[in-house]
């Protein structure tokens, strides 16, 4: 299914692009700078100038600070299993 996200600030490795991101299923097919291109089909979502982070599933990072150091929990392991702390 084709989906287009218009009026977005799209974070890319080269910077932030203000425009439209179009994807077909899980594949990004186009990033268009500026106003939404004419002739978009499929689902159209107005992102209302919010950020899109293609490729990120969850941007929330849990940290705790101990003595000025940021400590990140070890979340490696089998992706098919729920996370449980050691």
PDB file of N, CA and C in Angstrom:
ATOM      1  N   UNK A   1       0.839  -1.174   0.000  1.00  0.00           N
ATOM      2  CA  UNK A   1       0.000   0.000   0.000  1.00  0.00           C
ATOM      3  C   UNK A   1       0.888   1.243   0.000  1.00  0.00           C
ATOM      4  N   UNK A   2       0.553   2.187  -0.839  1.00  0.00           N
ATOM      5  CA  UNK A   2       1.318   3.428  -0.948  1.00  0.00           C
ATOM      6  C   UNK A   2       0.804   4.423   0.084  1.00  0.00           C
ATOM      7  N   UNK A   3       1.735   5.044   0.812  1.00  0.00           N
ATOM      8  CA  UNK A   3       1.415   6.073   1.790  1.00  0.00           C
ATOM      9  C   UNK A   3       2.336   7.260   1.568  1.00  0.00           C
ATOM     10  N   UNK A   4       1.782   8.461   1.700  1.00  0.00           N
ATOM     11  CA  UNK A   4       2.577   9.682   1.591  1.00  0.00           C
ATOM     12  C   UNK A   4       2.371  10.512   2.852  1.00  0.00           C
ATOM     13  N   UNK A   5       3.469  10.996   3.392  1.00  0.00           N
ATOM     14  CA  UNK A   5       3.452  11.822   4.590  1.00  0.00           C
ATOM     15  C   UNK A   5       3.848  13.228   4.161  1.00  0.00           C
ATOM     16  N   UNK A   6       2.864  14.137   4.142  1.00  0.00           N
ATOM     17  CA  UNK A   6       3.098  15.490   3.644  1.00  0.00           C
ATOM     18  C   UNK A   6       3.343  16.460   4.798  1.00  0.00           C
ATOM     19  N   UNK A   7       3.923  17.613   4.475  1.00  0.00           N
ATOM     20  CA  UNK A   7       4.211  18.666   5.466  1.00  0.00           C
ATOM     21  C   UNK A   7       5.051  18.121   6.615  1.00  0.00           C
ATOM     22  N   UNK A   8       6.102  17.391   6.262  1.00  0.00           N
ATOM     23  CA  UNK A   8       6.954  16.740   7.265  1.00  0.00           C
ATOM     24  C   UNK A   8       8.346  17.359   7.278  1.00  0.00           C
ATOM     25  N   UNK A   9       9.005  17.235   8.412  1.00  0.00           N
ATOM     26  CA  UNK A   9      10.440  17.517   8.512  1.00  0.00           C
ATOM     27  C   UNK A   9      11.103  16.143   8.607  1.00  0.00           C
ATOM     28  N   UNK A  10      11.707  15.722   7.507  1.00  0.00           N
ATOM     29  CA  UNK A  10      12.224  14.360   7.368  1.00  0.00           C
ATOM     30  C   UNK A  10      13.707  14.362   7.714  1.00  0.00           C
ATOM     31  N   UNK A  11      14.081  13.583   8.726  1.00  0.00           N
ATOM     32  CA  UNK A  11      15.473  13.505   9.156  1.00  0.00           C
ATOM     33  C   UNK A  11      16.179  12.459   8.304  1.00  0.00           C
ATOM     34  N   UNK A  12      17.212  12.895   7.575  1.00  0.00           N
ATOM     35  CA  UNK A  12      17.992  12.001   6.716  1.00  0.00           C
ATOM     36  C   UNK A  12      19.451  12.059   7.155  1.00  0.00           C
ATOM     37  N   UNK A  13      20.286  11.161   6.681  1.00  0.00           N
ATOM     38  CA  UNK A  13      21.707  11.219   7.022  1.00  0.00           C
ATOM     39  C   UNK A  13      22.376  12.528   6.567  1.00  0.00           C
ATOM     40  N   UNK A  14      21.784  13.195   5.574  1.00  0.00           N
ATOM     41  CA  UNK A  14      22.361  14.430   5.043  1.00  0.00           C
ATOM     42  C   UNK A  14      21.759  15.692   5.638  1.00  0.00           C
ATOM     43  N   UNK A  15      20.779  15.558   6.515  1.00  0.00           N
ATOM     44  CA  UNK A  15      20.138  16.730   7.113  1.00  0.00           C
ATOM     45  C   UNK A  15      18.632  16.561   7.161  1.00  0.00           C
ATOM     46  N   UNK A  16      17.959  17.665   7.426  1.00  0.00           N
ATOM     47  CA  UNK A  16      16.502  17.648   7.546  1.00  0.00           C
ATOM     48  C   UNK A  16      15.902  18.223   6.270  1.00  0.00           C
ATOM     49  N   UNK A  17      14.952  17.491   5.693  1.00  0.00           N
ATOM     50  CA  UNK A  17      14.273  17.900   4.465  1.00  0.00           C
ATOM     51  C   UNK A  17      12.832  18.239   4.815  1.00  0.00           C
ATOM     52  N   UNK A  18      12.402  19.452   4.506  1.00  0.00           N
ATOM     53  CA  UNK A  18      11.000  19.826   4.680  1.00  0.00           C
ATOM     54  C   UNK A  18      10.269  19.425   3.419  1.00  0.00           C
ATOM     55  N   UNK A  19       9.310  18.501   3.538  1.00  0.00           N
ATOM     56  CA  UNK A  19       8.613  18.058   2.341  1.00  0.00           C
ATOM     57  C   UNK A  19       7.740  16.846   2.560  1.00  0.00           C
ATOM     58  N   UNK A  20       7.791  15.924   1.595  1.00  0.00           N
ATOM     59  CA  UNK A  20       6.916  14.749   1.555  1.00  0.00           C
ATOM     60  C   UNK A  20       7.747  13.480   1.460  1.00  0.00           C
ATOM     61  N   UNK A  21       7.393  12.484   2.261  1.00  0.00           N
ATOM     62  CA  UNK A  21       8.001  11.158   2.179  1.00  0.00           C
ATOM     63  C   UNK A  21       6.931  10.200   1.680  1.00  0.00           C
ATOM     64  N   UNK A  22       7.252   9.436   0.640  1.00  0.00           N
ATOM     65  CA  UNK A  22       6.321   8.450   0.089  1.00  0.00           C
ATOM     66  C   UNK A  22       6.936   7.067   0.252  1.00  0.00           C
ATOM     67  N   UNK A  23       6.107   6.113   0.662  1.00  0.00           N
ATOM     68  CA  UNK A  23       6.589   4.742   0.812  1.00  0.00           C
ATOM     69  C   UNK A  23       5.561   3.772   0.242  1.00  0.00           C
ATOM     70  N   UNK A  24       6.079   2.615  -0.150  1.00  0.00           N
ATOM     71  CA  UNK A  24       5.244   1.520  -0.623  1.00  0.00           C
ATOM     72  C   UNK A  24       5.483   0.375   0.342  1.00  0.00           C
ATOM     73  N   UNK A  25       4.537   0.170   1.241  1.00  0.00           N
ATOM     74  CA  UNK A  25       4.751  -0.799   2.320  1.00  0.00           C
ATOM     75  C   UNK A  25       5.832  -0.272   3.243  1.00  0.00           C
ATOM     76  N   UNK A  26       6.879  -1.076   3.448  1.00  0.00           N
ATOM     77  CA  UNK A  26       7.965  -0.685   4.341  1.00  0.00           C
ATOM     78  C   UNK A  26       9.145  -0.066   3.590  1.00  0.00           C
ATOM     79  N   UNK A  27       8.993   0.200   2.295  1.00  0.00           N
ATOM     80  CA  UNK A  27      10.083   0.733   1.478  1.00  0.00           C
ATOM     81  C   UNK A  27       9.837   2.191   1.128  1.00  0.00           C
ATOM     82  N   UNK A  28      10.805   3.052   1.461  1.00  0.00           N
ATOM     83  CA  UNK A  28      10.718   4.462   1.079  1.00  0.00           C
ATOM     84  C   UNK A  28      10.981   4.549  -0.420  1.00  0.00           C
ATOM     85  N   UNK A  29      10.047   5.159  -1.146  1.00  0.00           N
ATOM     86  CA  UNK A  29      10.199   5.271  -2.594  1.00  0.00           C
ATOM     87  C   UNK A  29      10.570   6.675  -3.047  1.00  0.00           C
ATOM     88  N   UNK A  30      10.312   7.713  -2.213  1.00  0.00           N
ATOM     89  CA  UNK A  30      10.627   9.075  -2.623  1.00  0.00           C
ATOM     90  C   UNK A  30      10.637  10.004  -1.415  1.00  0.00           C
ATOM     91  N   UNK A  31      11.569  10.944  -1.447  1.00  0.00           N
ATOM     92  CA  UNK A  31      11.561  12.075  -0.527  1.00  0.00           C
ATOM     93  C   UNK A  31      11.583  13.310  -1.410  1.00  0.00           C
ATOM     94  N   UNK A  32      10.537  14.108  -1.304  1.00  0.00           N
ATOM     95  CA  UNK A  32      10.360  15.272  -2.174  1.00  0.00           C
ATOM     96  C   UNK A  32      10.416  16.534  -1.317  1.00  0.00           C
ATOM     97  N   UNK A  33      11.376  17.407  -1.596  1.00  0.00           N
ATOM     98  CA  UNK A  33      11.500  18.668  -0.853  1.00  0.00           C
ATOM     99  C   UNK A  33      10.442  19.654  -1.328  1.00  0.00           C
ATOM    100  N   UNK A  34       9.938  20.453  -0.406  1.00  0.00           N
ATOM    101  CA  UNK A  34       8.966  21.487  -0.746  1.00  0.00           C
ATOM    102  C   UNK A  34       7.532  21.007  -0.612  1.00  0.00           C
ATOM    103  N   UNK A  35       6.650  21.684  -1.317  1.00  0.00           N
ATOM    104  CA  UNK A  35       5.222  21.358  -1.268  1.00  0.00           C
ATOM    105  C   UNK A  35       4.978  19.939  -1.789  1.00  0.00           C
ATOM    106  N   UNK A  36       3.868  19.365  -1.355  1.00  0.00           N
ATOM    107  CA  UNK A  36       3.523  18.006  -1.793  1.00  0.00           C
ATOM    108  C   UNK A  36       3.368  17.978  -3.303  1.00  0.00           C
ATOM    109  N   UNK A  37       3.959  16.975  -3.959  1.00  0.00           N
ATOM    110  CA  UNK A  37       3.831  16.891  -5.411  1.00  0.00           C
ATOM    111  C   UNK A  37       2.393  16.559  -5.823  1.00  0.00           C
ATOM    112  N   UNK A  38       2.018  17.002  -7.004  1.00  0.00           N
ATOM    113  CA  UNK A  38       0.670  16.719  -7.526  1.00  0.00           C
ATOM    114  C   UNK A  38       0.548  15.236  -7.838  1.00  0.00           C
ATOM    115  N   UNK A  39      -0.671  14.726  -7.746  1.00  0.00           N
ATOM    116  CA  UNK A  39      -0.943  13.360  -8.166  1.00  0.00           C
ATOM    117  C   UNK A  39      -0.615  12.280  -7.150  1.00  0.00           C
ATOM    118  N   UNK A  40      -0.501  12.627  -5.855  1.00  0.00           N
ATOM    119  CA  UNK A  40      -0.250  11.592  -4.847  1.00  0.00           C
ATOM    120  C   UNK A  40      -1.439  10.649  -4.775  1.00  0.00           C
ATOM    121  N   UNK A  41      -1.163   9.371  -4.582  1.00  0.00           N
ATOM    122  CA  UNK A  41      -2.241   8.389  -4.456  1.00  0.00           C
ATOM    123  C   UNK A  41      -2.046   7.600  -3.171  1.00  0.00           C
ATOM    124  N   UNK A  42      -3.016   6.787  -2.833  1.00  0.00           N
ATOM    125  CA  UNK A  42      -2.942   5.990  -1.609  1.00  0.00           C
ATOM    126  C   UNK A  42      -3.294   6.826  -0.392  1.00  0.00           C
ATOM    127  N   UNK A  43      -2.823   6.375   0.768  1.00  0.00           N
ATOM    128  CA  UNK A  43      -3.072   7.100   2.018  1.00  0.00           C
ATOM    129  C   UNK A  43      -2.198   8.344   2.072  1.00  0.00           C
ATOM    130  N   UNK A  44      -2.807   9.484   2.421  1.00  0.00           N
ATOM    131  CA  UNK A  44      -2.058  10.727   2.565  1.00  0.00           C
ATOM    132  C   UNK A  44      -2.234  11.197   4.011  1.00  0.00           C
ATOM    133  N   UNK A  45      -1.090  11.350   4.698  1.00  0.00           N
ATOM    134  CA  UNK A  45      -1.093  11.747   6.109  1.00  0.00           C
ATOM    135  C   UNK A  45      -0.427  13.107   6.215  1.00  0.00           C
ATOM    136  N   UNK A  46      -1.151  14.091   6.762  1.00  0.00           N
ATOM    137  CA  UNK A  46      -0.576  15.418   6.998  1.00  0.00           C
ATOM    138  C   UNK A  46       0.134  15.389   8.344  1.00  0.00           C
ATOM    139  N   UNK A  47       1.463  15.483   8.308  1.00  0.00           N
ATOM    140  CA  UNK A  47       2.266  15.371   9.521  1.00  0.00           C
ATOM    141  C   UNK A  47       2.293  16.692  10.290  1.00  0.00           C
ATOM    142  N   UNK A  48       1.789  17.768   9.681  1.00  0.00           N
ATOM    143  CA  UNK A  48       1.643  19.061  10.342  1.00  0.00           C
ATOM    144  C   UNK A  48       2.979  19.603  10.853  1.00  0.00           C
ATOM    145  N   UNK A  49       4.023  19.496  10.018  1.00  0.00           N
ATOM    146  CA  UNK A  49       5.347  20.053  10.295  1.00  0.00           C
ATOM    147  C   UNK A  49       6.083  19.354  11.442  1.00  0.00           C
ATOM    148  N   UNK A  50       5.653  18.147  11.798  1.00  0.00           N
ATOM    149  CA  UNK A  50       6.392  17.368  12.799  1.00  0.00           C
ATOM    150  C   UNK A  50       7.535  16.625  12.114  1.00  0.00           C
ATOM    151  N   UNK A  51       8.401  16.022  12.921  1.00  0.00           N
ATOM    152  CA  UNK A  51       9.561  15.297  12.409  1.00  0.00           C
ATOM    153  C   UNK A  51       9.197  13.856  12.069  1.00  0.00           C
ATOM    154  N   UNK A  52       9.771  13.358  10.974  1.00  0.00           N
ATOM    155  CA  UNK A  52       9.726  11.936  10.631  1.00  0.00           C
ATOM    156  C   UNK A  52      11.151  11.419  10.718  1.00  0.00           C
ATOM    157  N   UNK A  53      11.319  10.269  11.346  1.00  0.00           N
ATOM    158  CA  UNK A  53      12.633   9.648  11.468  1.00  0.00           C
ATOM    159  C   UNK A  53      12.588   8.292  10.782  1.00  0.00           C
ATOM    160  N   UNK A  54      12.712   8.267   9.447  1.00  0.00           N
ATOM    161  CA  UNK A  54      12.625   6.990   8.739  1.00  0.00           C
ATOM    162  C   UNK A  54      13.689   6.016   9.216  1.00  0.00           C
ATOM    163  N   UNK A  55      13.289   4.786   9.433  1.00  0.00           N
ATOM    164  CA  UNK A  55      14.227   3.759   9.862  1.00  0.00           C
ATOM    165  C   UNK A  55      14.276   3.569  11.367  1.00  0.00           C
ATOM    166  N   UNK A  56      13.789   4.532  12.132  1.00  0.00           N
ATOM    167  CA  UNK A  56      13.766   4.386  13.583  1.00  0.00           C
ATOM    168  C   UNK A  56      12.451   3.762  14.002  1.00  0.00           C
ATOM    169  N   UNK A  57      12.515   2.797  14.892  1.00  0.00           N
ATOM    170  CA  UNK A  57      11.304   2.170  15.399  1.00  0.00           C
ATOM    171  C   UNK A  57      10.868   2.860  16.680  1.00  0.00           C
ATOM    172  N   UNK A  58      11.814   3.133  17.557  1.00  0.00           N
ATOM    173  CA  UNK A  58      11.513   3.771  18.833  1.00  0.00           C
ATOM    174  C   UNK A  58      12.659   4.698  19.160  1.00  0.00           C
ATOM    175  N   UNK A  59      12.398   5.989  19.255  1.00  0.00           N
ATOM    176  CA  UNK A  59      13.468   6.945  19.519  1.00  0.00           C
ATOM    177  C   UNK A  59      13.649   7.224  21.003  1.00  0.00           C
ATOM    178  N   UNK A  60      12.855   6.605  21.854  1.00  0.00           N
ATOM    179  CA  UNK A  60      12.975   6.818  23.291  1.00  0.00           C
ATOM    180  C   UNK A  60      14.108   5.952  23.834  1.00  0.00           C
ATOM    181  N   UNK A  61      15.016   6.570  24.574  1.00  0.00           N
ATOM    182  CA  UNK A  61      16.139   5.846  25.159  1.00  0.00           C
ATOM    183  C   UNK A  61      16.055   5.994  26.675  1.00  0.00           C
ATOM    184  N   UNK A  62      16.097   4.888  27.363  1.00  0.00           N
ATOM    185  CA  UNK A  62      16.077   4.905  28.831  1.00  0.00           C
ATOM    186  C   UNK A  62      17.514   5.028  29.331  1.00  0.00           C
ATOM    187  N   UNK A  63      17.758   6.011  30.142  1.00  0.00           N
ATOM    188  CA  UNK A  63      19.100   6.188  30.710  1.00  0.00           C
ATOM    189  C   UNK A  63      18.976   6.493  32.188  1.00  0.00           C
ATOM    190  N   UNK A  64      20.069   6.311  32.872  1.00  0.00           N
ATOM    191  CA  UNK A  64      20.172   6.785  34.250  1.00  0.00           C
ATOM    192  C   UNK A  64      21.559   7.380  34.403  1.00  0.00           C
ATOM    193  N   UNK A  65      21.654   8.405  35.210  1.00  0.00           N
ATOM    194  CA  UNK A  65      22.919   9.099  35.381  1.00  0.00           C
ATOM    195  C   UNK A  65      23.495   8.771  36.752  1.00  0.00           C
ATOM    196  N   UNK A  66      24.711   8.247  36.733  1.00  0.00           N
ATOM    197  CA  UNK A  66      25.402   7.893  37.970  1.00  0.00           C
ATOM    198  C   UNK A  66      26.773   8.553  37.915  1.00  0.00           C
ATOM    199  N   UNK A  67      27.017   9.478  38.811  1.00  0.00           N
ATOM    200  CA  UNK A  67      28.314  10.139  38.858  1.00  0.00           C
ATOM    201  C   UNK A  67      28.662  10.863  37.572  1.00  0.00           C
ATOM    202  N   UNK A  68      27.653  11.411  36.888  1.00  0.00           N
ATOM    203  CA  UNK A  68      27.905  12.144  35.665  1.00  0.00           C
ATOM    204  C   UNK A  68      28.019  11.283  34.415  1.00  0.00           C
ATOM    205  N   UNK A  69      27.868   9.959  34.551  1.00  0.00           N
ATOM    206  CA  UNK A  69      27.946   9.065  33.400  1.00  0.00           C
ATOM    207  C   UNK A  69      26.544   8.598  33.023  1.00  0.00           C
ATOM    208  N   UNK A  70      26.268   8.565  31.738  1.00  0.00           N
ATOM    209  CA  UNK A  70      24.984   8.043  31.273  1.00  0.00           C
ATOM    210  C   UNK A  70      25.101   6.531  31.162  1.00  0.00           C
ATOM    211  N   UNK A  71      24.221   5.827  31.824  1.00  0.00           N
ATOM    212  CA  UNK A  71      24.233   4.369  31.811  1.00  0.00           C
ATOM    213  C   UNK A  71      23.054   3.881  30.970  1.00  0.00           C
ATOM    214  N   UNK A  72      23.336   3.107  29.926  1.00  0.00           N
ATOM    215  CA  UNK A  72      22.283   2.544  29.077  1.00  0.00           C
ATOM    216  C   UNK A  72      22.105   1.071  29.416  1.00  0.00           C
ATOM    217  N   UNK A  73      20.874   0.609  29.564  1.00  0.00           N
ATOM    218  CA  UNK A  73      20.673  -0.806  29.854  1.00  0.00           C
ATOM    219  C   UNK A  73      21.050  -1.660  28.655  1.00  0.00           C
ATOM    220  N   UNK A  74      21.501  -2.878  28.934  1.00  0.00           N
ATOM    221  CA  UNK A  74      21.811  -3.819  27.863  1.00  0.00           C
ATOM    222  C   UNK A  74      20.497  -4.371  27.332  1.00  0.00           C
ATOM    223  N   UNK A  75      20.137  -3.962  26.117  1.00  0.00           N
ATOM    224  CA  UNK A  75      18.885  -4.409  25.532  1.00  0.00           C
ATOM    225  C   UNK A  75      19.150  -5.318  24.341  1.00  0.00           C
ATOM    226  N   UNK A  76      20.339  -5.905  24.316  1.00  0.00           N
ATOM    227  CA  UNK A  76      20.641  -6.844  23.241  1.00  0.00           C
ATOM    228  C   UNK A  76      19.953  -8.163  23.544  1.00  0.00           C
ATOM    229  N   UNK A  77      19.920  -9.003  22.581  1.00  0.00           N
ATOM    230  CA  UNK A  77      19.296 -10.303  22.793  1.00  0.00           C
ATOM    231  C   UNK A  77      18.361 -10.640  21.657  1.00  0.00           C
ATOM    232  N   UNK A  78      17.550 -11.614  21.872  1.00  0.00           N
ATOM    233  CA  UNK A  78      16.644 -12.124  20.855  1.00  0.00           C
ATOM    234  C   UNK A  78      15.488 -11.137  20.659  1.00  0.00           C
ATOM    235  N   UNK A  79      15.362 -10.580  19.466  1.00  0.00           N
ATOM    236  CA  UNK A  79      14.337  -9.595  19.196  1.00  0.00           C
ATOM    237  C   UNK A  79      12.929 -10.163  19.278  1.00  0.00           C
ATOM    238  N   UNK A  80      12.803 -11.489  19.196  1.00  0.00           N
ATOM    239  CA  UNK A  80      11.483 -12.118  19.265  1.00  0.00           C
ATOM    240  C   UNK A  80      11.007 -12.318  20.712  1.00  0.00           C
ATOM    241  N   UNK A  81      11.887 -12.055  21.657  1.00  0.00           N
ATOM    242  CA  UNK A  81      11.546 -12.259  23.060  1.00  0.00           C
ATOM    243  C   UNK A  81      11.387 -10.904  23.742  1.00  0.00           C
ATOM    244  N   UNK A  82      10.451 -10.777  24.684  1.00  0.00           N
ATOM    245  CA  UNK A  82      10.314  -9.513  25.399  1.00  0.00           C
ATOM    246  C   UNK A  82      11.560  -9.235  26.237  1.00  0.00           C
ATOM    247  N   UNK A  83      11.857  -7.951  26.397  1.00  0.00           N
ATOM    248  CA  UNK A  83      13.017  -7.549  27.191  1.00  0.00           C
ATOM    249  C   UNK A  83      12.737  -7.817  28.662  1.00  0.00           C
ATOM    250  N   UNK A  84      13.685  -8.407  29.343  1.00  0.00           N
ATOM    251  CA  UNK A  84      13.593  -8.548  30.800  1.00  0.00           C
ATOM    252  C   UNK A  84      14.969  -8.254  31.358  1.00  0.00           C
ATOM    253  N   UNK A  85      15.049  -7.358  32.340  1.00  0.00           N
ATOM    254  CA  UNK A  85      16.350  -7.010  32.897  1.00  0.00           C
ATOM    255  C   UNK A  85      17.003  -8.193  33.586  1.00  0.00           C
ATOM    256  N   UNK A  86      18.319  -8.211  33.537  1.00  0.00           N
ATOM    257  CA  UNK A  86      19.068  -9.329  34.157  1.00  0.00           C
ATOM    258  C   UNK A  86      19.008  -9.252  35.660  1.00  0.00           C
TER     259      UNK A  86
END
